[in-house]
Amino acid sequence: MWAVGLFRIMVRIERGRILSYILLIGGVLTAADLMFSCFFWLTAAFRPEQDPSLIQLLYDSGWLWLDLAFGVAMLYMIPFGIIALRDTRTEPLFPKWLAWLGIWVAMEFLAELIMPYFRSGPFSWSGLINFWIPFVVPAAWQVTVSWFMLKASRRLNEEYESELARAEQSELARAGQTAAG
C-alpha cells in the first residue's frame, strides 16, 4: 500500500507517467520479495522436527532471496529521486536532498550482488555493508519519505480543492453571461 500511495503522489508531479509506473512496479516487487523470504522462514518454522540441515537450508534460502532480490527496490527509489528532482513547483512536494538520498540508497543495493562470495566480514550477509546499512538506511529513508508523503497529500488535496473552486466559479460566470446575453 505504501508504494501505491507514493505512486499516486508521484503521478501528480510527473508529466509523463512512465517513471511513476516503474516506481509502482518496483514497490510491488519489493513487497513480493519480502513475502517470498517469509515463506522460506515460515516453512522452516512449520516443521521444526525436520533434519536441522533442511531447516538451515530454508533459513539461508530466505536470507539469500531477501538480500539478492531486494535490489528491485531500486526500481522505486531511483524513479522517486528523478521525479522529485523534476518537480517544478516553487516549493517541491519532496525536498531535493531526499531525492538524492533515494538515488544513493538505491545504489548501495549494488553491494548486495557480491554478498554470496563472502562468508565473513563487511560484505557477508551479516556484515556492515550487506546487512546493517542496506536495512537501516533504507528504513530510515522510507520513514522520512512517509512523513513527506503525508505533507504532500495534504498539499495536493488543497491544490485540487482550489482548482475545483476556480472551475466552479468560471462555470458560474459562463452561465451568468449566457443568461444575460
C-alpha atoms as a PDB file:
ATOM      1  CA  MET A   1       0.000   0.000   0.000  1.00  0.00           C
ATOM      2  CA  TRP A   2       2.900   2.348   0.703  1.00  0.00           C
ATOM      3  CA  ALA A   3       4.102   2.088  -2.889  1.00  0.00           C
ATOM      4  CA  VAL A   4       0.585   2.762  -4.181  1.00  0.00           C
ATOM      5  CA  GLY A   5       0.348   5.903  -2.050  1.00  0.00           C
ATOM      6  CA  LEU A   6       3.732   7.086  -3.294  1.00  0.00           C
ATOM      7  CA  PHE A   7       2.706   6.273  -6.875  1.00  0.00           C
ATOM      8  CA  ARG A   8      -0.456   8.394  -6.583  1.00  0.00           C
ATOM      9  CA  ILE A   9       1.598  11.380  -5.415  1.00  0.00           C
ATOM     10  CA  MET A  10       4.352  10.948  -7.998  1.00  0.00           C
ATOM     11  CA  VAL A  11       1.850  10.690 -10.867  1.00  0.00           C
ATOM     12  CA  ARG A  12       0.691  14.189  -9.945  1.00  0.00           C
ATOM     13  CA  ILE A  13       4.276  15.501 -10.151  1.00  0.00           C
ATOM     14  CA  GLU A  14       5.428  13.695 -13.287  1.00  0.00           C
ATOM     15  CA  ARG A  15       4.411  14.999 -16.690  1.00  0.00           C
ATOM     16  CA  GLY A  16       4.738  11.665 -18.475  1.00  0.00           C
ATOM     17  CA  ARG A  17       3.819   8.676 -16.395  1.00  0.00           C
ATOM     18  CA  ILE A  18       6.423   6.024 -17.229  1.00  0.00           C
ATOM     19  CA  LEU A  19       8.638   6.649 -14.185  1.00  0.00           C
ATOM     20  CA  SER A  20       5.632   6.605 -11.869  1.00  0.00           C
ATOM     21  CA  TYR A  21       4.620   3.200 -13.204  1.00  0.00           C
ATOM     22  CA  ILE A  22       8.179   1.897 -12.848  1.00  0.00           C
ATOM     23  CA  LEU A  23       8.038   3.138  -9.252  1.00  0.00           C
ATOM     24  CA  LEU A  24       4.766   1.258  -8.703  1.00  0.00           C
ATOM     25  CA  ILE A  25       6.132  -1.961 -10.216  1.00  0.00           C
ATOM     26  CA  GLY A  26       9.271  -1.677  -8.078  1.00  0.00           C
ATOM     27  CA  GLY A  27       7.188  -1.206  -4.945  1.00  0.00           C
ATOM     28  CA  VAL A  28       5.041  -4.248  -5.711  1.00  0.00           C
ATOM     29  CA  LEU A  29       8.094  -6.386  -6.496  1.00  0.00           C
ATOM     30  CA  THR A  30       9.789  -5.270  -3.282  1.00  0.00           C
ATOM     31  CA  ALA A  31       6.729  -6.321  -1.284  1.00  0.00           C
ATOM     32  CA  ALA A  32       6.725  -9.670  -3.103  1.00  0.00           C
ATOM     33  CA  ASP A  33      10.414 -10.116  -2.284  1.00  0.00           C
ATOM     34  CA  LEU A  34       9.707  -9.650   1.410  1.00  0.00           C
ATOM     35  CA  MET A  35       6.756 -12.030   1.225  1.00  0.00           C
ATOM     36  CA  PHE A  36       8.716 -14.817  -0.500  1.00  0.00           C
ATOM     37  CA  SER A  37      11.535 -14.587   2.029  1.00  0.00           C
ATOM     38  CA  CYS A  38       8.979 -15.023   4.787  1.00  0.00           C
ATOM     39  CA  PHE A  39       7.639 -18.140   3.029  1.00  0.00           C
ATOM     40  CA  PHE A  40      11.060 -19.794   3.374  1.00  0.00           C
ATOM     41  CA  TRP A  41      11.290 -18.909   7.069  1.00  0.00           C
ATOM     42  CA  LEU A  42       7.709 -19.945   7.804  1.00  0.00           C
ATOM     43  CA  THR A  43       8.283 -23.266   6.055  1.00  0.00           C
ATOM     44  CA  ALA A  44      11.328 -23.874   8.237  1.00  0.00           C
ATOM     45  CA  ALA A  45       9.384 -22.960  11.380  1.00  0.00           C
ATOM     46  CA  PHE A  46       6.349 -25.067  10.397  1.00  0.00           C
ATOM     47  CA  ARG A  47       8.252 -28.358  10.737  1.00  0.00           C
ATOM     48  CA  PRO A  48      10.888 -27.812  13.434  1.00  0.00           C
ATOM     49  CA  GLU A  49      11.294 -31.584  13.880  1.00  0.00           C
ATOM     50  CA  GLN A  50      12.896 -31.887  10.435  1.00  0.00           C
ATOM     51  CA  ASP A  51      16.573 -32.509   9.862  1.00  0.00           C
ATOM     52  CA  PRO A  52      18.476 -29.409  11.089  1.00  0.00           C
ATOM     53  CA  SER A  53      20.316 -29.176   7.772  1.00  0.00           C
ATOM     54  CA  LEU A  54      16.967 -28.734   5.969  1.00  0.00           C
ATOM     55  CA  ILE A  55      15.954 -26.056   8.449  1.00  0.00           C
ATOM     56  CA  GLN A  56      19.299 -24.307   7.862  1.00  0.00           C
ATOM     57  CA  LEU A  57      18.831 -24.580   4.097  1.00  0.00           C
ATOM     58  CA  LEU A  58      15.416 -22.911   4.267  1.00  0.00           C
ATOM     59  CA  TYR A  59      16.717 -20.225   6.632  1.00  0.00           C
ATOM     60  CA  ASP A  60      19.672 -19.489   4.340  1.00  0.00           C
ATOM     61  CA  SER A  61      17.430 -19.538   1.261  1.00  0.00           C
ATOM     62  CA  GLY A  62      15.148 -16.947   2.831  1.00  0.00           C
ATOM     63  CA  TRP A  63      18.056 -14.617   3.580  1.00  0.00           C
ATOM     64  CA  LEU A  64      19.683 -15.107   0.198  1.00  0.00           C
ATOM     65  CA  TRP A  65      16.376 -14.447  -1.561  1.00  0.00           C
ATOM     66  CA  LEU A  66      15.808 -11.322   0.507  1.00  0.00           C
ATOM     67  CA  ASP A  67      19.310  -9.946   0.051  1.00  0.00           C
ATOM     68  CA  LEU A  68      19.769 -10.720  -3.623  1.00  0.00           C
ATOM     69  CA  ALA A  69      16.270  -9.854  -4.782  1.00  0.00           C
ATOM     70  CA  PHE A  70      15.953  -6.707  -2.690  1.00  0.00           C
ATOM     71  CA  GLY A  71      17.688  -4.843  -5.468  1.00  0.00           C
ATOM     72  CA  VAL A  72      14.246  -4.496  -7.052  1.00  0.00           C
ATOM     73  CA  ALA A  73      13.771  -1.701  -4.502  1.00  0.00           C
ATOM     74  CA  MET A  74      15.993   0.287  -6.849  1.00  0.00           C
ATOM     75  CA  LEU A  75      13.004   0.298  -9.225  1.00  0.00           C
ATOM     76  CA  TYR A  76      11.083   2.602  -6.916  1.00  0.00           C
ATOM     77  CA  MET A  77      13.907   4.528  -5.279  1.00  0.00           C
ATOM     78  CA  ILE A  78      15.556   5.788  -8.468  1.00  0.00           C
ATOM     79  CA  PRO A  79      12.298   6.887 -10.181  1.00  0.00           C
ATOM     80  CA  PHE A  80      11.300   8.584  -6.920  1.00  0.00           C
ATOM     81  CA  GLY A  81      14.536  10.543  -6.984  1.00  0.00           C
ATOM     82  CA  ILE A  82      14.221  11.522 -10.642  1.00  0.00           C
ATOM     83  CA  ILE A  83      10.578  12.581 -10.358  1.00  0.00           C
ATOM     84  CA  ALA A  84      11.205  14.536  -7.144  1.00  0.00           C
ATOM     85  CA  LEU A  85      14.159  16.315  -8.755  1.00  0.00           C
ATOM     86  CA  ARG A  86      11.965  17.263 -11.731  1.00  0.00           C
ATOM     87  CA  ASP A  87       9.209  18.792  -9.552  1.00  0.00           C
ATOM     88  CA  THR A  88       8.833  22.335 -10.927  1.00  0.00           C
ATOM     89  CA  ARG A  89       6.748  23.759  -8.067  1.00  0.00           C
ATOM     90  CA  THR A  90       8.219  26.759  -6.293  1.00  0.00           C
ATOM     91  CA  GLU A  91       8.095  24.626  -3.156  1.00  0.00           C
ATOM     92  CA  PRO A  92       8.532  20.978  -4.291  1.00  0.00           C
ATOM     93  CA  LEU A  93       6.492  18.262  -2.603  1.00  0.00           C
ATOM     94  CA  PHE A  94       9.690  16.415  -1.674  1.00  0.00           C
ATOM     95  CA  PRO A  95      12.994  18.130  -0.849  1.00  0.00           C
ATOM     96  CA  LYS A  96      15.826  17.705  -3.334  1.00  0.00           C
ATOM     97  CA  TRP A  97      18.110  16.200  -0.676  1.00  0.00           C
ATOM     98  CA  LEU A  98      15.576  13.403  -0.128  1.00  0.00           C
ATOM     99  CA  ALA A  99      15.508  12.723  -3.872  1.00  0.00           C
ATOM    100  CA  TRP A 100      19.307  12.424  -3.987  1.00  0.00           C
ATOM    101  CA  LEU A 101      19.298  10.292  -0.843  1.00  0.00           C
ATOM    102  CA  GLY A 102      16.828   7.901  -2.505  1.00  0.00           C
ATOM    103  CA  ILE A 103      19.128   7.519  -5.500  1.00  0.00           C
ATOM    104  CA  TRP A 104      22.132   6.970  -3.219  1.00  0.00           C
ATOM    105  CA  VAL A 105      20.269   4.381  -1.126  1.00  0.00           C
ATOM    106  CA  ALA A 106      19.278   2.551  -4.315  1.00  0.00           C
ATOM    107  CA  MET A 107      22.893   2.440  -5.473  1.00  0.00           C
ATOM    108  CA  GLU A 108      24.006   0.879  -2.209  1.00  0.00           C
ATOM    109  CA  PHE A 109      21.947  -2.203  -3.100  1.00  0.00           C
ATOM    110  CA  LEU A 110      24.542  -2.985  -5.749  1.00  0.00           C
ATOM    111  CA  ALA A 111      26.816  -4.168  -2.912  1.00  0.00           C
ATOM    112  CA  GLU A 112      24.295  -6.955  -2.300  1.00  0.00           C
ATOM    113  CA  LEU A 113      25.329  -8.578  -5.568  1.00  0.00           C
ATOM    114  CA  ILE A 114      28.759  -9.560  -4.211  1.00  0.00           C
ATOM    115  CA  MET A 115      27.380 -10.863  -0.902  1.00  0.00           C
ATOM    116  CA  PRO A 116      27.291 -14.574  -1.882  1.00  0.00           C
ATOM    117  CA  TYR A 117      31.079 -14.559  -2.310  1.00  0.00           C
ATOM    118  CA  PHE A 118      31.832 -13.591   1.297  1.00  0.00           C
ATOM    119  CA  ARG A 119      31.216 -15.751   4.370  1.00  0.00           C
ATOM    120  CA  SER A 120      32.514 -13.194   6.866  1.00  0.00           C
ATOM    121  CA  GLY A 121      33.487  -9.555   7.027  1.00  0.00           C
ATOM    122  CA  PRO A 122      31.652  -6.382   5.998  1.00  0.00           C
ATOM    123  CA  PHE A 123      30.450  -7.838   2.664  1.00  0.00           C
ATOM    124  CA  SER A 124      28.988 -11.035   4.172  1.00  0.00           C
ATOM    125  CA  TRP A 125      25.244 -11.243   4.702  1.00  0.00           C
ATOM    126  CA  SER A 126      25.686 -10.379   8.371  1.00  0.00           C
ATOM    127  CA  GLY A 127      28.298  -7.697   7.725  1.00  0.00           C
ATOM    128  CA  LEU A 128      28.130  -3.934   7.945  1.00  0.00           C
ATOM    129  CA  ILE A 129      27.843  -3.249   4.204  1.00  0.00           C
ATOM    130  CA  ASN A 130      25.422  -6.028   3.271  1.00  0.00           C
ATOM    131  CA  PHE A 131      23.228  -6.250   6.357  1.00  0.00           C
ATOM    132  CA  TRP A 132      23.238  -3.219   8.595  1.00  0.00           C
ATOM    133  CA  ILE A 133      23.491  -0.445   6.030  1.00  0.00           C
ATOM    134  CA  PRO A 134      21.008  -1.967   3.494  1.00  0.00           C
ATOM    135  CA  PHE A 135      18.374  -2.487   6.181  1.00  0.00           C
ATOM    136  CA  VAL A 136      18.790   0.515   8.458  1.00  0.00           C
ATOM    137  CA  VAL A 137      19.423   3.265   5.896  1.00  0.00           C
ATOM    138  CA  PRO A 138      16.511   2.380   3.546  1.00  0.00           C
ATOM    139  CA  ALA A 139      14.183   2.013   6.538  1.00  0.00           C
ATOM    140  CA  ALA A 140      15.139   5.498   7.739  1.00  0.00           C
ATOM    141  CA  TRP A 141      14.685   6.792   4.180  1.00  0.00           C
ATOM    142  CA  GLN A 142      11.206   5.241   3.964  1.00  0.00           C
ATOM    143  CA  VAL A 143      10.143   6.760   7.277  1.00  0.00           C
ATOM    144  CA  THR A 144      11.318  10.163   6.032  1.00  0.00           C
ATOM    145  CA  VAL A 145       9.555   9.728   2.669  1.00  0.00           C
ATOM    146  CA  SER A 146       6.394   8.691   4.542  1.00  0.00           C
ATOM    147  CA  TRP A 147       6.478  11.931   6.528  1.00  0.00           C
ATOM    148  CA  PHE A 148       6.782  13.975   3.343  1.00  0.00           C
ATOM    149  CA  MET A 149       4.078  11.841   1.685  1.00  0.00           C
ATOM    150  CA  LEU A 150       1.637  12.913   4.389  1.00  0.00           C
ATOM    151  CA  LYS A 151       2.540  16.556   3.851  1.00  0.00           C
ATOM    152  CA  ALA A 152       2.375  16.137   0.053  1.00  0.00           C
ATOM    153  CA  SER A 153      -1.050  14.508   0.131  1.00  0.00           C
ATOM    154  CA  ARG A 154      -2.415  17.416   2.187  1.00  0.00           C
ATOM    155  CA  ARG A 155      -0.931  19.928  -0.271  1.00  0.00           C
ATOM    156  CA  LEU A 156      -2.264  18.028  -3.280  1.00  0.00           C
ATOM    157  CA  ASN A 157      -5.746  17.934  -1.725  1.00  0.00           C
ATOM    158  CA  GLU A 158      -5.599  21.699  -1.143  1.00  0.00           C
ATOM    159  CA  GLU A 159      -4.457  22.254  -4.743  1.00  0.00           C
ATOM    160  CA  TYR A 160      -7.272  20.048  -6.048  1.00  0.00           C
ATOM    161  CA  GLU A 161      -9.917  21.810  -3.966  1.00  0.00           C
ATOM    162  CA  SER A 162      -8.743  25.255  -5.107  1.00  0.00           C
ATOM    163  CA  GLU A 163      -8.746  24.096  -8.760  1.00  0.00           C
ATOM    164  CA  LEU A 164     -12.259  22.753  -8.278  1.00  0.00           C
ATOM    165  CA  ALA A 165     -13.444  26.034  -6.751  1.00  0.00           C
ATOM    166  CA  ARG A 166     -11.923  28.001  -9.660  1.00  0.00           C
ATOM    167  CA  ALA A 167     -13.615  25.721 -12.177  1.00  0.00           C
ATOM    168  CA  GLU A 168     -16.969  26.173 -10.436  1.00  0.00           C
ATOM    169  CA  GLN A 169     -16.564  29.956 -10.426  1.00  0.00           C
ATOM    170  CA  SER A 170     -15.706  30.072 -14.117  1.00  0.00           C
ATOM    171  CA  GLU A 171     -18.658  27.779 -14.875  1.00  0.00           C
ATOM    172  CA  LEU A 172     -20.985  30.072 -12.907  1.00  0.00           C
ATOM    173  CA  ALA A 173     -19.557  33.121 -14.683  1.00  0.00           C
ATOM    174  CA  ARG A 174     -20.159  31.498 -18.077  1.00  0.00           C
ATOM    175  CA  ALA A 175     -23.697  30.555 -17.079  1.00  0.00           C
ATOM    176  CA  GLY A 176     -24.333  34.153 -15.927  1.00  0.00           C
ATOM    177  CA  GLN A 177     -23.038  35.566 -19.231  1.00  0.00           C
ATOM    178  CA  THR A 178     -25.236  33.158 -21.193  1.00  0.00           C
ATOM    179  CA  ALA A 179     -28.321  34.136 -19.153  1.00  0.00           C
ATOM    180  CA  ALA A 180     -27.539  37.875 -19.528  1.00  0.00           C
ATOM    181  CA  GLY A 181     -26.857  37.611 -23.255  1.00  0.00           C
END
